[in-house]
Amino acid sequence: MMNYENLEFCCAELKDHILTVTINRPEVMNSLHPPANFELEQVFNNFSEDPEQWVAILTGAGDRAFSAGNDLKYHASGSQRGTPESGFAGLTSRFDCDKPIIAAVNGVAMGGGFEIALACDLIIASDNAKFALPEPKVGLAALAGGLQRLPRQIGLKPAMGMILTGRQVSAQESMTLGYVNAVVPQAELMDEALRWAEMILQCSPVSIRTSKNVVMKGLDQPNLEGAIKDSRTLSSVKTLMSSADFEEGPAAFAEKRKPQWQGK
C-alpha cells in the first residue's frame, strides 16, 4: 500500500477505516496543477484498492478554500500540462470506485474545485463556502464533469442559472439547491464530516459499496423498470449476497448486539 508520508501536494491520514485527504496548496487557494492531480490520483487509487479504507473525506488546507480549481498561473506559465485518466484531483473521471467519498468544503470551491466536490458522494460545507463554475469568465469551460453533473444533481434550469452566469452561490443557497448535505460553522466542519463518515461506518461496508454501485448504474438507465431489473444482475449485488457481512447483519440483529463488519 501507498506511503502517505512522502506526499508533496496533499496530506493523507488513515484512522479507523476513514481516510482524510487534505489538498495542501493553501498559498494558491488549493488550486491544482498536473503534479498535484497525479499525486491525488495515486492517493485515491490506493483508497479504492485498500480493503482497510472504507470512507474518504476530502478537504483543503487553511480556512480560505477547498480548492480554487485549475492553477491558472501555472497554466499560463506554459509549464507541462496533462490530466490523469481519473480526472481532476484523481476523482472527476473516476467511475469505478464504489466506496463513499465526502467533500468537506472549507471556503471557496470554484471551477475545478466545485467539480471535485460534485464528484464526491456527499458535500458538507462550512457557512463561508462559495460554489461556482466561473470558467466562461476566463475563456474556459467546466469540462471536468461540472457541465454534466450539476444539471443531473439539481435540474436543468437551476444549473444553467449557475453555468451561464458563472455566479457564486453561498453555502445556504447550495443547501436549498440540493447539492449540499449540511452547512455548519467553519470551526465545526471536520467534526461534522467525521460524524457523517462514522454514520456510514455503522453500516456494512459491502452494503454501502453495493448501494452506491446500484444507484450509479441505475442513473444510466432510461427508465425505472430497467434500472430495477438490471440491478439484480450486477456483480456488486452478487458479492453482497455471498459476503460475510450479509450473514453478520441479521445475526447481530437477532442476537441484539452490535454487528462486527468485516467489509467482505
Protein backbone atom coordinates (compact mmCIF):
# COMPACT_ATOMS: atom_id res chain seq x y z
CA MET A 1 0.00 0.00 0.00
CA MET A 2 0.99 3.63 -0.57
CA ASN A 3 3.22 5.51 1.88
CA TYR A 4 1.39 8.71 2.78
CA GLU A 5 4.43 10.29 4.49
CA ASN A 6 6.09 11.39 1.24
CA LEU A 7 3.23 13.35 -0.31
CA GLU A 8 4.10 16.81 -1.64
CA PHE A 9 0.83 18.48 -2.63
CA CYS A 10 -1.64 16.83 -0.27
CA CYS A 11 -1.74 15.16 3.14
CA ALA A 12 -3.44 11.86 3.92
CA GLU A 13 -4.20 10.10 7.19
CA LEU A 14 -5.96 6.78 7.77
CA LYS A 15 -7.71 6.24 11.10
CA ASP A 16 -10.44 3.75 11.96
CA HIS A 17 -11.15 2.93 8.30
CA ILE A 18 -11.55 6.66 7.45
CA LEU A 19 -9.04 8.24 5.05
CA THR A 20 -8.78 12.02 5.41
CA VAL A 21 -7.16 13.72 2.42
CA THR A 22 -6.22 17.41 2.55
CA ILE A 23 -5.25 19.34 -0.58
CA ASN A 24 -2.16 21.16 0.68
CA ARG A 25 -1.52 24.17 -1.55
CA PRO A 26 -3.01 26.98 0.58
CA GLU A 27 -0.68 29.57 -0.95
CA VAL A 28 -2.67 29.23 -4.21
CA MET A 29 -6.03 28.57 -2.52
CA ASN A 30 -5.53 24.83 -3.04
CA SER A 31 -5.76 25.15 -6.81
CA LEU A 32 -4.38 22.15 -8.64
CA HIS A 33 -1.68 21.74 -11.25
CA PRO A 34 -0.76 18.49 -13.06
CA PRO A 35 1.71 17.24 -10.40
CA ALA A 36 -0.96 17.64 -7.71
CA ASN A 37 -3.60 15.94 -9.84
CA PHE A 38 -1.37 12.93 -10.46
CA GLU A 39 -0.46 12.69 -6.77
CA LEU A 40 -4.13 12.75 -5.78
CA GLU A 41 -4.84 10.09 -8.37
CA GLN A 42 -2.40 7.78 -6.61
CA VAL A 43 -3.97 8.52 -3.23
CA PHE A 44 -7.46 7.65 -4.48
CA ASN A 45 -6.18 4.62 -6.39
CA ASN A 46 -4.86 3.37 -3.10
CA PHE A 47 -8.13 4.22 -1.34
CA SER A 48 -10.06 2.22 -3.93
CA GLU A 49 -7.80 -0.82 -3.65
CA ASP A 50 -7.08 -1.00 0.10
CA PRO A 51 -9.68 -3.19 1.88
CA GLU A 52 -8.98 -1.37 5.17
CA GLN A 53 -10.06 2.01 3.79
CA TRP A 54 -13.87 2.26 3.86
CA VAL A 55 -14.70 6.00 3.69
CA ALA A 56 -12.75 9.06 2.49
CA ILE A 57 -13.05 12.71 3.45
CA LEU A 58 -11.52 15.30 1.12
CA THR A 59 -10.87 18.87 2.25
CA GLY A 60 -8.48 21.78 1.68
CA ALA A 61 -5.71 23.22 3.85
CA GLY A 62 -6.33 26.52 5.58
CA ASP A 63 -9.57 28.41 6.08
CA ARG A 64 -9.97 30.15 2.71
CA ALA A 65 -10.51 27.46 0.13
CA PHE A 66 -11.46 23.87 -0.52
CA SER A 67 -10.00 24.36 -3.99
CA ALA A 68 -10.00 27.31 -6.38
CA GLY A 69 -9.82 24.82 -9.26
CA ASN A 70 -7.23 24.82 -12.00
CA ASP A 71 -3.99 26.63 -11.20
CA LEU A 72 -4.33 29.25 -13.95
CA LYS A 73 -0.95 30.88 -13.24
CA TYR A 74 0.74 27.52 -13.69
CA HIS A 75 -1.37 27.02 -16.84
CA ALA A 76 -0.40 30.44 -18.20
CA SER A 77 3.31 29.86 -17.49
CA GLY A 78 3.48 27.25 -20.23
CA SER A 79 4.51 24.56 -17.78
CA GLN A 80 3.88 20.92 -18.54
CA ARG A 81 0.19 20.10 -18.85
CA GLY A 82 -1.77 16.90 -18.52
CA THR A 83 -4.56 15.32 -16.51
CA PRO A 84 -4.62 11.80 -15.07
CA GLU A 85 -7.01 9.27 -16.54
CA SER A 86 -9.11 9.51 -13.38
CA GLY A 87 -9.58 13.25 -13.93
CA PHE A 88 -9.13 16.39 -11.88
CA ALA A 89 -7.87 15.53 -8.37
CA GLY A 90 -7.99 11.90 -9.44
CA LEU A 91 -11.78 11.98 -8.99
CA THR A 92 -13.78 13.73 -11.70
CA SER A 93 -13.37 10.88 -14.22
CA ARG A 94 -13.24 8.06 -11.66
CA PHE A 95 -16.33 5.92 -12.19
CA ASP A 96 -15.20 2.60 -10.72
CA CYS A 97 -14.90 3.49 -7.02
CA ASP A 98 -17.89 2.24 -5.02
CA LYS A 99 -16.54 3.48 -1.69
CA PRO A 100 -18.15 6.69 -0.34
CA ILE A 101 -16.23 9.97 -0.55
CA ILE A 102 -17.24 13.05 1.43
CA ALA A 103 -16.22 16.57 0.39
CA ALA A 104 -15.67 18.85 3.40
CA VAL A 105 -15.79 22.24 1.69
CA ASN A 106 -13.99 24.85 3.79
CA GLY A 107 -14.42 28.08 1.83
CA VAL A 108 -14.12 28.59 -1.92
CA ALA A 109 -14.96 25.73 -4.30
CA MET A 110 -14.60 27.29 -7.71
CA GLY A 111 -14.35 25.76 -11.16
CA GLY A 112 -12.47 22.51 -10.89
CA GLY A 113 -12.79 22.71 -7.11
CA PHE A 114 -16.57 22.65 -7.43
CA GLU A 115 -16.28 19.83 -9.96
CA ILE A 116 -14.27 17.80 -7.45
CA ALA A 117 -16.95 18.33 -4.80
CA LEU A 118 -19.70 17.33 -7.25
CA ALA A 119 -17.79 14.11 -7.96
CA CYS A 120 -17.97 13.19 -4.27
CA ASP A 121 -20.97 11.40 -2.77
CA LEU A 122 -21.72 13.90 -0.01
CA ILE A 123 -20.87 17.59 0.41
CA ILE A 124 -20.56 19.08 3.88
CA ALA A 125 -19.99 22.84 3.70
CA SER A 126 -18.74 25.48 6.10
CA ASP A 127 -21.01 28.50 6.37
CA ASN A 128 -18.50 30.63 4.44
CA ALA A 129 -18.29 28.21 1.50
CA LYS A 130 -18.93 29.52 -2.00
CA PHE A 131 -19.51 27.47 -5.13
CA ALA A 132 -19.24 28.46 -8.80
CA LEU A 133 -18.35 27.35 -12.31
CA PRO A 134 -16.74 30.63 -13.47
CA GLU A 135 -14.73 29.18 -16.36
CA PRO A 136 -16.52 31.19 -19.10
CA LYS A 137 -15.29 34.39 -17.42
CA VAL A 138 -11.71 33.40 -18.31
CA GLY A 139 -12.45 31.86 -21.71
CA LEU A 140 -12.69 28.28 -20.50
CA ALA A 141 -15.47 25.76 -19.78
CA ALA A 142 -16.14 23.35 -16.91
CA LEU A 143 -15.04 20.25 -18.81
CA ALA A 144 -14.13 18.12 -15.77
CA GLY A 145 -17.69 16.95 -15.25
CA GLY A 146 -19.33 20.11 -13.93
CA LEU A 147 -21.42 20.68 -17.04
CA GLN A 148 -22.74 17.11 -16.77
CA ARG A 149 -23.01 16.56 -13.01
CA LEU A 150 -24.62 19.84 -11.97
CA PRO A 151 -27.74 19.52 -14.20
CA ARG A 152 -28.13 15.89 -13.15
CA GLN A 153 -27.89 16.78 -9.47
CA ILE A 154 -30.09 19.90 -9.26
CA GLY A 155 -32.05 20.05 -12.53
CA LEU A 156 -31.55 21.91 -15.78
CA LYS A 157 -32.78 25.44 -15.08
CA PRO A 158 -31.05 25.95 -11.70
CA ALA A 159 -27.85 24.50 -13.17
CA MET A 160 -27.99 26.74 -16.23
CA GLY A 161 -28.52 29.69 -13.93
CA MET A 162 -25.10 28.96 -12.45
CA ILE A 163 -23.34 27.76 -15.61
CA LEU A 164 -24.34 30.61 -17.93
CA THR A 165 -23.54 33.36 -15.41
CA GLY A 166 -20.57 31.92 -13.51
CA ARG A 167 -22.16 33.40 -10.39
CA GLN A 168 -21.04 32.49 -6.88
CA VAL A 169 -23.53 30.58 -4.75
CA SER A 170 -23.48 30.62 -0.96
CA ALA A 171 -23.48 27.55 1.25
CA GLN A 172 -27.07 28.19 2.34
CA GLU A 173 -28.34 28.56 -1.24
CA SER A 174 -26.38 25.45 -2.19
CA MET A 175 -28.25 23.59 0.54
CA THR A 176 -31.53 24.82 -0.95
CA LEU A 177 -30.47 23.80 -4.46
CA GLY A 178 -29.79 20.32 -3.13
CA TYR A 179 -26.14 19.51 -3.80
CA VAL A 180 -25.00 20.21 -0.22
CA ASN A 181 -25.97 17.82 2.60
CA ALA A 182 -25.18 20.02 5.60
CA VAL A 183 -23.90 23.51 6.45
CA VAL A 184 -22.05 24.19 9.71
CA PRO A 185 -19.76 26.88 11.16
CA GLN A 186 -16.26 26.52 9.76
CA ALA A 187 -14.81 25.51 13.11
CA GLU A 188 -17.20 22.53 13.17
CA LEU A 189 -16.68 21.40 9.56
CA MET A 190 -14.35 18.45 10.05
CA ASP A 191 -16.27 17.23 13.10
CA GLU A 192 -19.44 17.23 11.00
CA ALA A 193 -17.74 15.44 8.11
CA LEU A 194 -16.42 12.83 10.56
CA ARG A 195 -19.91 12.47 12.05
CA TRP A 196 -21.28 11.59 8.61
CA ALA A 197 -18.37 9.22 7.99
CA GLU A 198 -18.99 7.48 11.30
CA MET A 199 -22.69 7.09 10.46
CA ILE A 200 -21.61 5.37 7.25
CA LEU A 201 -19.27 3.10 9.24
CA GLN A 202 -22.21 1.89 11.29
CA CYS A 203 -23.43 0.20 8.11
CA SER A 204 -21.91 -2.80 6.36
CA PRO A 205 -19.11 -1.65 4.02
CA VAL A 206 -20.24 -4.24 1.49
CA SER A 207 -23.81 -2.95 1.68
CA ILE A 208 -22.59 0.63 1.27
CA ARG A 209 -20.46 -0.22 -1.77
CA THR A 210 -23.32 -2.22 -3.32
CA SER A 211 -25.79 0.59 -2.69
CA LYS A 212 -23.55 3.20 -4.31
CA ASN A 213 -22.93 0.93 -7.29
CA VAL A 214 -26.65 0.22 -7.79
CA VAL A 215 -27.52 3.92 -7.56
CA MET A 216 -24.88 4.98 -10.08
CA LYS A 217 -25.67 2.18 -12.53
CA GLY A 218 -29.37 2.93 -12.20
CA LEU A 219 -28.83 6.56 -13.20
CA ASP A 220 -27.57 5.29 -16.57
CA GLN A 221 -30.90 3.57 -17.28
CA PRO A 222 -33.64 5.44 -19.15
CA ASN A 223 -36.47 4.06 -17.01
CA LEU A 224 -37.15 2.76 -13.52
CA GLU A 225 -38.17 -0.73 -14.58
CA GLY A 226 -34.92 -1.31 -16.47
CA ALA A 227 -32.86 0.04 -13.58
CA ILE A 228 -34.50 -2.35 -11.09
CA LYS A 229 -34.22 -5.37 -13.37
CA ASP A 230 -30.59 -4.70 -14.25
CA SER A 231 -29.61 -4.21 -10.62
CA ARG A 232 -30.25 -7.89 -9.96
CA THR A 233 -27.51 -8.85 -12.40
CA LEU A 234 -24.80 -6.54 -11.04
CA SER A 235 -21.68 -8.21 -9.69
CA SER A 236 -21.81 -5.95 -6.62
CA VAL A 237 -25.22 -7.38 -5.69
CA LYS A 238 -23.92 -10.94 -6.10
CA THR A 239 -20.91 -10.05 -3.96
CA LEU A 240 -23.21 -8.71 -1.23
CA MET A 241 -25.35 -11.85 -1.23
CA SER A 242 -22.29 -14.07 -0.70
CA SER A 243 -20.50 -11.82 1.80
CA ALA A 244 -19.78 -12.39 5.48
CA ASP A 245 -21.48 -9.06 6.22
CA PHE A 246 -24.69 -10.39 4.64
CA GLU A 247 -24.74 -13.11 7.31
CA GLU A 248 -23.44 -10.96 10.16
CA GLY A 249 -26.11 -8.23 9.91
CA PRO A 250 -29.19 -10.42 10.51
CA ALA A 251 -27.29 -12.48 13.12
CA ALA A 252 -26.37 -9.36 15.10
CA PHE A 253 -29.93 -8.08 14.88
CA ALA A 254 -31.34 -11.40 16.14
CA GLU A 255 -28.80 -11.54 18.98
CA LYS A 256 -29.37 -7.86 19.90
CA ARG A 257 -25.70 -6.93 19.57
CA LYS A 258 -23.62 -4.53 17.51
CA PRO A 259 -22.56 -6.09 14.19
CA GLN A 260 -18.89 -6.76 13.60
CA TRP A 261 -18.45 -5.81 9.97
CA GLN A 262 -15.61 -7.37 8.02
CA GLY A 263 -16.12 -5.47 4.77
CA LYS A 264 -16.13 -8.70 2.81
